[in-house]
Amino acid sequence: MTRTRSLDCPTCQGMQLFRLLNREEKAAVRAERGERLPVDNLWRCTAEGCLTYYPHLRKTRGLLLPERFRLTAGETGGTEGGGGTAGA
């Protein structure tokens, strides 16, 4: 079962479900930001179309996964709290 948390998404501008990055996403982040970057505590927004990720409790603007990881409606984990839409 995938571990999720309700966190504030700066892209969606509201509370969304976040999950830990999967193996492929971690590899992409390391390729982009450096092999030594710790990636085990990086959480990504599961809202449709959102690419935002950040370390738990260290919300930062501008941390986006590569475009190939953009989620579609069938892959999303849902939203909580009536948050906004991605890219708004």
PDB file of N, CA and C in Angstrom:
ATOM      1  N   MET A   1       0.835  -1.185   0.000  1.00  0.00           N
ATOM      2  CA  MET A   1       0.000   0.000   0.000  1.00  0.00           C
ATOM      3  C   MET A   1       0.882   1.252   0.000  1.00  0.00           C
ATOM      4  N   THR A   2       0.515   2.236  -0.790  1.00  0.00           N
ATOM      5  CA  THR A   2       1.272   3.470  -0.897  1.00  0.00           C
ATOM      6  C   THR A   2       0.976   4.374   0.291  1.00  0.00           C
ATOM      7  N   ARG A   3       2.040   4.865   0.917  1.00  0.00           N
ATOM      8  CA  ARG A   3       1.903   5.802   2.032  1.00  0.00           C
ATOM      9  C   ARG A   3       1.609   7.186   1.483  1.00  0.00           C
ATOM     10  N   THR A   4       0.578   7.843   2.001  1.00  0.00           N
ATOM     11  CA  THR A   4       0.231   9.191   1.566  1.00  0.00           C
ATOM     12  C   THR A   4       0.078  10.105   2.774  1.00  0.00           C
ATOM     13  N   ARG A   5       0.220  11.400   2.501  1.00  0.00           N
ATOM     14  CA  ARG A   5       0.013  12.431   3.521  1.00  0.00           C
ATOM     15  C   ARG A   5      -0.662  13.612   2.862  1.00  0.00           C
ATOM     16  N   SER A   6      -1.464  14.297   3.616  1.00  0.00           N
ATOM     17  CA  SER A   6      -2.088  15.520   3.141  1.00  0.00           C
ATOM     18  C   SER A   6      -1.129  16.670   3.433  1.00  0.00           C
ATOM     19  N   LEU A   7      -0.629  17.302   2.354  1.00  0.00           N
ATOM     20  CA  LEU A   7       0.317  18.400   2.480  1.00  0.00           C
ATOM     21  C   LEU A   7      -0.120  19.550   1.590  1.00  0.00           C
ATOM     22  N   ASP A   8       0.398  20.723   1.868  1.00  0.00           N
ATOM     23  CA  ASP A   8       0.083  21.904   1.074  1.00  0.00           C
ATOM     24  C   ASP A   8       0.910  21.883  -0.215  1.00  0.00           C
ATOM     25  N   CYS A   9       0.249  22.011  -1.357  1.00  0.00           N
ATOM     26  CA  CYS A   9       0.940  22.029  -2.646  1.00  0.00           C
ATOM     27  C   CYS A   9       1.008  23.466  -3.160  1.00  0.00           C
ATOM     28  N   PRO A  10       2.215  24.008  -3.357  1.00  0.00           N
ATOM     29  CA  PRO A  10       2.334  25.381  -3.844  1.00  0.00           C
ATOM     30  C   PRO A  10       1.839  25.542  -5.283  1.00  0.00           C
ATOM     31  N   THR A  11       1.867  24.479  -6.076  1.00  0.00           N
ATOM     32  CA  THR A  11       1.385  24.542  -7.458  1.00  0.00           C
ATOM     33  C   THR A  11      -0.138  24.523  -7.500  1.00  0.00           C
ATOM     34  N   CYS A  12      -0.735  23.605  -6.751  1.00  0.00           N
ATOM     35  CA  CYS A  12      -2.197  23.464  -6.724  1.00  0.00           C
ATOM     36  C   CYS A  12      -2.851  24.507  -5.816  1.00  0.00           C
ATOM     37  N   GLN A  13      -2.086  25.134  -4.965  1.00  0.00           N
ATOM     38  CA  GLN A  13      -2.543  26.160  -4.034  1.00  0.00           C
ATOM     39  C   GLN A  13      -3.593  25.644  -3.061  1.00  0.00           C
ATOM     40  N   GLY A  14      -3.296  24.507  -2.454  1.00  0.00           N
ATOM     41  CA  GLY A  14      -4.189  23.953  -1.451  1.00  0.00           C
ATOM     42  C   GLY A  14      -3.680  22.610  -0.959  1.00  0.00           C
ATOM     43  N   MET A  15      -4.413  22.019  -0.036  1.00  0.00           N
ATOM     44  CA  MET A  15      -4.038  20.722   0.509  1.00  0.00           C
ATOM     45  C   MET A  15      -4.324  19.626  -0.518  1.00  0.00           C
ATOM     46  N   GLN A  16      -3.340  18.741  -0.712  1.00  0.00           N
ATOM     47  CA  GLN A  16      -3.438  17.630  -1.646  1.00  0.00           C
ATOM     48  C   GLN A  16      -2.818  16.394  -1.013  1.00  0.00           C
ATOM     49  N   LEU A  17      -3.144  15.237  -1.553  1.00  0.00           N
ATOM     50  CA  LEU A  17      -2.468  14.024  -1.132  1.00  0.00           C
ATOM     51  C   LEU A  17      -1.092  13.977  -1.789  1.00  0.00           C
ATOM     52  N   PHE A  18      -0.084  13.676  -0.992  1.00  0.00           N
ATOM     53  CA  PHE A  18       1.280  13.491  -1.468  1.00  0.00           C
ATOM     54  C   PHE A  18       1.698  12.062  -1.151  1.00  0.00           C
ATOM     55  N   ARG A  19       2.584  11.507  -1.965  1.00  0.00           N
ATOM     56  CA  ARG A  19       3.156  10.191  -1.718  1.00  0.00           C
ATOM     57  C   ARG A  19       4.659  10.282  -1.910  1.00  0.00           C
ATOM     58  N   LEU A  20       5.380   9.310  -1.350  1.00  0.00           N
ATOM     59  CA  LEU A  20       6.826   9.261  -1.544  1.00  0.00           C
ATOM     60  C   LEU A  20       7.132   9.014  -3.016  1.00  0.00           C
ATOM     61  N   LEU A  21       8.264   9.542  -3.480  1.00  0.00           N
ATOM     62  CA  LEU A  21       8.681   9.294  -4.859  1.00  0.00           C
ATOM     63  C   LEU A  21       8.947   7.805  -5.054  1.00  0.00           C
ATOM     64  N   ASN A  22       8.621   7.308  -6.259  1.00  0.00           N
ATOM     65  CA  ASN A  22       8.944   5.919  -6.571  1.00  0.00           C
ATOM     66  C   ASN A  22      10.390   5.844  -7.083  1.00  0.00           C
ATOM     67  N   ARG A  23      10.851   4.648  -7.356  1.00  0.00           N
ATOM     68  CA  ARG A  23      12.243   4.426  -7.756  1.00  0.00           C
ATOM     69  C   ARG A  23      12.617   5.216  -9.011  1.00  0.00           C
ATOM     70  N   GLU A  24      11.759   5.218 -10.015  1.00  0.00           N
ATOM     71  CA  GLU A  24      12.038   5.927 -11.269  1.00  0.00           C
ATOM     72  C   GLU A  24      12.096   7.445 -11.050  1.00  0.00           C
ATOM     73  N   GLU A  25      11.180   7.968 -10.243  1.00  0.00           N
ATOM     74  CA  GLU A  25      11.170   9.407  -9.941  1.00  0.00           C
ATOM     75  C   GLU A  25      12.429   9.809  -9.169  1.00  0.00           C
ATOM     76  N   LYS A  26      12.834   8.972  -8.202  1.00  0.00           N
ATOM     77  CA  LYS A  26      14.063   9.248  -7.447  1.00  0.00           C
ATOM     78  C   LYS A  26      15.270   9.311  -8.378  1.00  0.00           C
ATOM     79  N   ALA A  27      15.352   8.378  -9.321  1.00  0.00           N
ATOM     80  CA  ALA A  27      16.472   8.356 -10.269  1.00  0.00           C
ATOM     81  C   ALA A  27      16.481   9.616 -11.124  1.00  0.00           C
ATOM     82  N   ALA A  28      15.311  10.078 -11.546  1.00  0.00           N
ATOM     83  CA  ALA A  28      15.228  11.302 -12.360  1.00  0.00           C
ATOM     84  C   ALA A  28      15.669  12.528 -11.563  1.00  0.00           C
ATOM     85  N   VAL A  29      15.278  12.606 -10.289  1.00  0.00           N
ATOM     86  CA  VAL A  29      15.673  13.734  -9.439  1.00  0.00           C
ATOM     87  C   VAL A  29      17.186  13.718  -9.234  1.00  0.00           C
ATOM     88  N   ARG A  30      17.738  12.540  -8.978  1.00  0.00           N
ATOM     89  CA  ARG A  30      19.196  12.446  -8.801  1.00  0.00           C
ATOM     90  C   ARG A  30      19.944  12.808 -10.078  1.00  0.00           C
ATOM     91  N   ALA A  31      19.419  12.402 -11.228  1.00  0.00           N
ATOM     92  CA  ALA A  31      20.061  12.727 -12.505  1.00  0.00           C
ATOM     93  C   ALA A  31      20.077  14.239 -12.727  1.00  0.00           C
ATOM     94  N   GLU A  32      19.018  14.901 -12.282  1.00  0.00           N
ATOM     95  CA  GLU A  32      18.894  16.346 -12.480  1.00  0.00           C
ATOM     96  C   GLU A  32      19.637  17.162 -11.424  1.00  0.00           C
ATOM     97  N   ARG A  33      19.591  16.709 -10.178  1.00  0.00           N
ATOM     98  CA  ARG A  33      20.100  17.526  -9.074  1.00  0.00           C
ATOM     99  C   ARG A  33      21.368  16.994  -8.425  1.00  0.00           C
ATOM    100  N   GLY A  34      21.833  15.822  -8.857  1.00  0.00           N
ATOM    101  CA  GLY A  34      23.077  15.280  -8.317  1.00  0.00           C
ATOM    102  C   GLY A  34      22.892  13.936  -7.642  1.00  0.00           C
ATOM    103  N   GLU A  35      23.830  13.055  -7.892  1.00  0.00           N
ATOM    104  CA  GLU A  35      23.759  11.679  -7.381  1.00  0.00           C
ATOM    105  C   GLU A  35      23.764  11.592  -5.857  1.00  0.00           C
ATOM    106  N   ARG A  36      24.334  12.563  -5.196  1.00  0.00           N
ATOM    107  CA  ARG A  36      24.452  12.504  -3.737  1.00  0.00           C
ATOM    108  C   ARG A  36      23.240  13.071  -3.013  1.00  0.00           C
ATOM    109  N   LEU A  37      22.274  13.590  -3.756  1.00  0.00           N
ATOM    110  CA  LEU A  37      21.076  14.165  -3.141  1.00  0.00           C
ATOM    111  C   LEU A  37      20.264  13.080  -2.426  1.00  0.00           C
ATOM    112  N   PRO A  38      19.944  13.276  -1.138  1.00  0.00           N
ATOM    113  CA  PRO A  38      19.091  12.303  -0.452  1.00  0.00           C
ATOM    114  C   PRO A  38      17.662  12.379  -1.009  1.00  0.00           C
ATOM    115  N   VAL A  39      17.130  11.257  -1.437  1.00  0.00           N
ATOM    116  CA  VAL A  39      15.810  11.251  -2.080  1.00  0.00           C
ATOM    117  C   VAL A  39      14.774  10.406  -1.339  1.00  0.00           C
ATOM    118  N   ASP A  40      15.138   9.829  -0.207  1.00  0.00           N
ATOM    119  CA  ASP A  40      14.222   8.922   0.487  1.00  0.00           C
ATOM    120  C   ASP A  40      13.081   9.620   1.220  1.00  0.00           C
ATOM    121  N   ASN A  41      13.153  10.931   1.391  1.00  0.00           N
ATOM    122  CA  ASN A  41      12.090  11.663   2.076  1.00  0.00           C
ATOM    123  C   ASN A  41      11.490  12.735   1.163  1.00  0.00           C
ATOM    124  N   LEU A  42      11.459  12.469  -0.133  1.00  0.00           N
ATOM    125  CA  LEU A  42      10.849  13.403  -1.073  1.00  0.00           C
ATOM    126  C   LEU A  42       9.424  12.946  -1.380  1.00  0.00           C
ATOM    127  N   TRP A  43       8.496  13.880  -1.247  1.00  0.00           N
ATOM    128  CA  TRP A  43       7.073  13.605  -1.439  1.00  0.00           C
ATOM    129  C   TRP A  43       6.571  14.349  -2.663  1.00  0.00           C
ATOM    130  N   ARG A  44       5.683  13.707  -3.462  1.00  0.00           N
ATOM    131  CA  ARG A  44       5.140  14.364  -4.646  1.00  0.00           C
ATOM    132  C   ARG A  44       3.626  14.465  -4.556  1.00  0.00           C
ATOM    133  N   CYS A  45       3.127  15.532  -5.130  1.00  0.00           N
ATOM    134  CA  CYS A  45       1.686  15.764  -5.180  1.00  0.00           C
ATOM    135  C   CYS A  45       1.059  14.750  -6.138  1.00  0.00           C
ATOM    136  N   THR A  46      -0.096  14.217  -5.755  1.00  0.00           N
ATOM    137  CA  THR A  46      -0.778  13.224  -6.591  1.00  0.00           C
ATOM    138  C   THR A  46      -1.939  13.820  -7.380  1.00  0.00           C
ATOM    139  N   ALA A  47      -2.106  15.134  -7.345  1.00  0.00           N
ATOM    140  CA  ALA A  47      -3.194  15.765  -8.103  1.00  0.00           C
ATOM    141  C   ALA A  47      -2.924  15.635  -9.605  1.00  0.00           C
ATOM    142  N   GLU A  48      -3.982  15.502 -10.371  1.00  0.00           N
ATOM    143  CA  GLU A  48      -3.866  15.364 -11.820  1.00  0.00           C
ATOM    144  C   GLU A  48      -3.052  16.509 -12.413  1.00  0.00           C
ATOM    145  N   GLY A  49      -2.031  16.162 -13.194  1.00  0.00           N
ATOM    146  CA  GLY A  49      -1.230  17.148 -13.892  1.00  0.00           C
ATOM    147  C   GLY A  49      -0.126  17.805 -13.078  1.00  0.00           C
ATOM    148  N   CYS A  50      -0.035  17.534 -11.795  1.00  0.00           N
ATOM    149  CA  CYS A  50       0.945  18.213 -10.945  1.00  0.00           C
ATOM    150  C   CYS A  50       2.274  17.450 -10.920  1.00  0.00           C
ATOM    151  N   LEU A  51       3.374  18.185 -10.953  1.00  0.00           N
ATOM    152  CA  LEU A  51       4.723  17.615 -10.921  1.00  0.00           C
ATOM    153  C   LEU A  51       5.499  18.035  -9.677  1.00  0.00           C
ATOM    154  N   THR A  52       4.850  18.701  -8.739  1.00  0.00           N
ATOM    155  CA  THR A  52       5.515  19.243  -7.553  1.00  0.00           C
ATOM    156  C   THR A  52       5.987  18.138  -6.613  1.00  0.00           C
ATOM    157  N   TYR A  53       7.201  18.319  -6.102  1.00  0.00           N
ATOM    158  CA  TYR A  53       7.714  17.450  -5.038  1.00  0.00           C
ATOM    159  C   TYR A  53       8.552  18.298  -4.085  1.00  0.00           C
ATOM    160  N   TYR A  54       8.655  17.837  -2.847  1.00  0.00           N
ATOM    161  CA  TYR A  54       9.534  18.487  -1.884  1.00  0.00           C
ATOM    162  C   TYR A  54       9.760  17.580  -0.680  1.00  0.00           C
ATOM    163  N   PRO A  55      10.834  17.847   0.083  1.00  0.00           N
ATOM    164  CA  PRO A  55      11.061  17.076   1.304  1.00  0.00           C
ATOM    165  C   PRO A  55       9.928  17.360   2.293  1.00  0.00           C
ATOM    166  N   HIS A  56       9.507  16.357   3.024  1.00  0.00           N
ATOM    167  CA  HIS A  56       8.423  16.516   3.991  1.00  0.00           C
ATOM    168  C   HIS A  56       8.717  17.685   4.926  1.00  0.00           C
ATOM    169  N   LEU A  57       7.740  18.561   5.059  1.00  0.00           N
ATOM    170  CA  LEU A  57       7.781  19.736   5.931  1.00  0.00           C
ATOM    171  C   LEU A  57       8.783  20.806   5.496  1.00  0.00           C
ATOM    172  N   ARG A  58       9.280  20.721   4.276  1.00  0.00           N
ATOM    173  CA  ARG A  58      10.179  21.756   3.740  1.00  0.00           C
ATOM    174  C   ARG A  58       9.669  22.205   2.376  1.00  0.00           C
ATOM    175  N   LYS A  59       8.480  22.744   2.374  1.00  0.00           N
ATOM    176  CA  LYS A  59       7.836  23.155   1.125  1.00  0.00           C
ATOM    177  C   LYS A  59       8.687  24.206   0.415  1.00  0.00           C
ATOM    178  N   THR A  60       8.924  23.973  -0.842  1.00  0.00           N
ATOM    179  CA  THR A  60       9.734  24.867  -1.666  1.00  0.00           C
ATOM    180  C   THR A  60       9.065  25.033  -3.015  1.00  0.00           C
ATOM    181  N   ARG A  61       9.034  26.246  -3.512  1.00  0.00           N
ATOM    182  CA  ARG A  61       8.530  26.456  -4.876  1.00  0.00           C
ATOM    183  C   ARG A  61       9.609  26.056  -5.875  1.00  0.00           C
ATOM    184  N   GLY A  62       9.173  25.573  -7.029  1.00  0.00           N
ATOM    185  CA  GLY A  62      10.096  25.335  -8.119  1.00  0.00           C
ATOM    186  C   GLY A  62      10.692  23.947  -8.198  1.00  0.00           C
ATOM    187  N   LEU A  63      10.346  23.036  -7.290  1.00  0.00           N
ATOM    188  CA  LEU A  63      10.829  21.668  -7.406  1.00  0.00           C
ATOM    189  C   LEU A  63       9.794  20.862  -8.184  1.00  0.00           C
ATOM    190  N   LEU A  64      10.118  20.604  -9.448  1.00  0.00           N
ATOM    191  CA  LEU A  64       9.180  19.901 -10.328  1.00  0.00           C
ATOM    192  C   LEU A  64       9.854  18.688 -10.955  1.00  0.00           C
ATOM    193  N   LEU A  65       9.117  17.601 -11.007  1.00  0.00           N
ATOM    194  CA  LEU A  65       9.596  16.411 -11.693  1.00  0.00           C
ATOM    195  C   LEU A  65       9.606  16.653 -13.201  1.00  0.00           C
ATOM    196  N   PRO A  66      10.375  15.871 -13.956  1.00  0.00           N
ATOM    197  CA  PRO A  66      10.344  15.992 -15.413  1.00  0.00           C
ATOM    198  C   PRO A  66       8.938  15.724 -15.967  1.00  0.00           C
ATOM    199  N   GLU A  67       8.646  16.292 -17.096  1.00  0.00           N
ATOM    200  CA  GLU A  67       7.319  16.219 -17.718  1.00  0.00           C
ATOM    201  C   GLU A  67       6.810  14.785 -17.881  1.00  0.00           C
ATOM    202  N   ARG A  68       7.685  13.827 -18.105  1.00  0.00           N
ATOM    203  CA  ARG A  68       7.226  12.448 -18.334  1.00  0.00           C
ATOM    204  C   ARG A  68       6.519  11.846 -17.122  1.00  0.00           C
ATOM    205  N   PHE A  69       6.639  12.492 -15.971  1.00  0.00           N
ATOM    206  CA  PHE A  69       5.983  12.000 -14.759  1.00  0.00           C
ATOM    207  C   PHE A  69       4.632  12.668 -14.486  1.00  0.00           C
ATOM    208  N   ARG A  70       4.150  13.467 -15.406  1.00  0.00           N
ATOM    209  CA  ARG A  70       2.855  14.140 -15.212  1.00  0.00           C
ATOM    210  C   ARG A  70       1.761  13.084 -15.090  1.00  0.00           C
ATOM    211  N   LEU A  71       0.956  13.174 -14.044  1.00  0.00           N
ATOM    212  CA  LEU A  71      -0.110  12.206 -13.791  1.00  0.00           C
ATOM    213  C   LEU A  71      -1.373  12.557 -14.562  1.00  0.00           C
ATOM    214  N   THR A  72      -2.065  11.516 -15.019  1.00  0.00           N
ATOM    215  CA  THR A  72      -3.361  11.706 -15.666  1.00  0.00           C
ATOM    216  C   THR A  72      -4.452  11.307 -14.676  1.00  0.00           C
ATOM    217  N   ALA A  73      -5.698  11.526 -15.050  1.00  0.00           N
ATOM    218  CA  ALA A  73      -6.827  11.278 -14.145  1.00  0.00           C
ATOM    219  C   ALA A  73      -6.837   9.857 -13.592  1.00  0.00           C
ATOM    220  N   GLY A  74      -6.497   8.867 -14.385  1.00  0.00           N
ATOM    221  CA  GLY A  74      -6.518   7.483 -13.937  1.00  0.00           C
ATOM    222  C   GLY A  74      -5.386   7.128 -12.989  1.00  0.00           C
ATOM    223  N   GLU A  75      -4.349   7.952 -12.896  1.00  0.00           N
ATOM    224  CA  GLU A  75      -3.182   7.662 -12.066  1.00  0.00           C
ATOM    225  C   GLU A  75      -3.146   8.450 -10.775  1.00  0.00           C
ATOM    226  N   THR A  76      -4.017   9.429 -10.609  1.00  0.00           N
ATOM    227  CA  THR A  76      -3.944  10.312  -9.450  1.00  0.00           C
ATOM    228  C   THR A  76      -4.410   9.625  -8.191  1.00  0.00           C
ATOM    229  N   GLY A  77      -3.934  10.162  -7.070  1.00  0.00           N
ATOM    230  CA  GLY A  77      -4.324   9.638  -5.777  1.00  0.00           C
ATOM    231  C   GLY A  77      -5.498  10.400  -5.201  1.00  0.00           C
ATOM    232  N   GLY A  78      -6.031  11.359  -5.933  1.00  0.00           N
ATOM    233  CA  GLY A  78      -7.149  12.142  -5.442  1.00  0.00           C
ATOM    234  C   GLY A  78      -6.691  13.399  -4.750  1.00  0.00           C
ATOM    235  N   THR A  79      -7.656  14.205  -4.335  1.00  0.00           N
ATOM    236  CA  THR A  79      -7.356  15.440  -3.637  1.00  0.00           C
ATOM    237  C   THR A  79      -8.080  15.452  -2.303  1.00  0.00           C
ATOM    238  N   GLU A  80      -7.643  16.305  -1.434  1.00  0.00           N
ATOM    239  CA  GLU A  80      -8.302  16.501  -0.148  1.00  0.00           C
ATOM    240  C   GLU A  80      -8.546  17.971   0.063  1.00  0.00           C
ATOM    241  N   GLY A  81      -9.594  18.269   0.744  1.00  0.00           N
ATOM    242  CA  GLY A  81      -9.836  19.634   1.178  1.00  0.00           C
ATOM    243  C   GLY A  81     -10.211  20.602   0.082  1.00  0.00           C
ATOM    244  N   GLY A  82     -10.629  20.100  -1.074  1.00  0.00           N
ATOM    245  CA  GLY A  82     -11.073  20.991  -2.148  1.00  0.00           C
ATOM    246  C   GLY A  82     -10.005  21.879  -2.684  1.00  0.00           C
ATOM    247  N   GLY A  83      -8.778  21.376  -2.791  1.00  0.00           N
ATOM    248  CA  GLY A  83      -7.654  22.160  -3.265  1.00  0.00           C
ATOM    249  C   GLY A  83      -7.846  22.609  -4.704  1.00  0.00           C
ATOM    250  N   GLY A  84      -6.976  23.503  -5.154  1.00  0.00           N
ATOM    251  CA  GLY A  84      -7.045  24.044  -6.514  1.00  0.00           C
ATOM    252  C   GLY A  84      -6.620  23.029  -7.539  1.00  0.00           C
ATOM    253  N   THR A  85      -6.478  23.482  -8.774  1.00  0.00           N
ATOM    254  CA  THR A  85      -6.059  22.599  -9.840  1.00  0.00           C
ATOM    255  C   THR A  85      -4.598  22.861 -10.158  1.00  0.00           C
ATOM    256  N   ALA A  86      -3.935  21.846 -10.671  1.00  0.00           N
ATOM    257  CA  ALA A  86      -2.521  21.978 -11.006  1.00  0.00           C
ATOM    258  C   ALA A  86      -2.339  22.986 -12.107  1.00  0.00           C
ATOM    259  N   GLY A  87      -1.277  23.751 -12.007  1.00  0.00           N
ATOM    260  CA  GLY A  87      -0.956  24.722 -13.028  1.00  0.00           C
ATOM    261  C   GLY A  87      -1.730  26.011 -12.916  1.00  0.00           C
ATOM    262  N   ALA A  88      -2.545  26.157 -11.892  1.00  0.00           N
ATOM    263  CA  ALA A  88      -3.360  27.361 -11.733  1.00  0.00           C
ATOM    264  C   ALA A  88      -2.504  28.524 -11.319  1.00  0.00           C
TER     265      ALA A  88
END
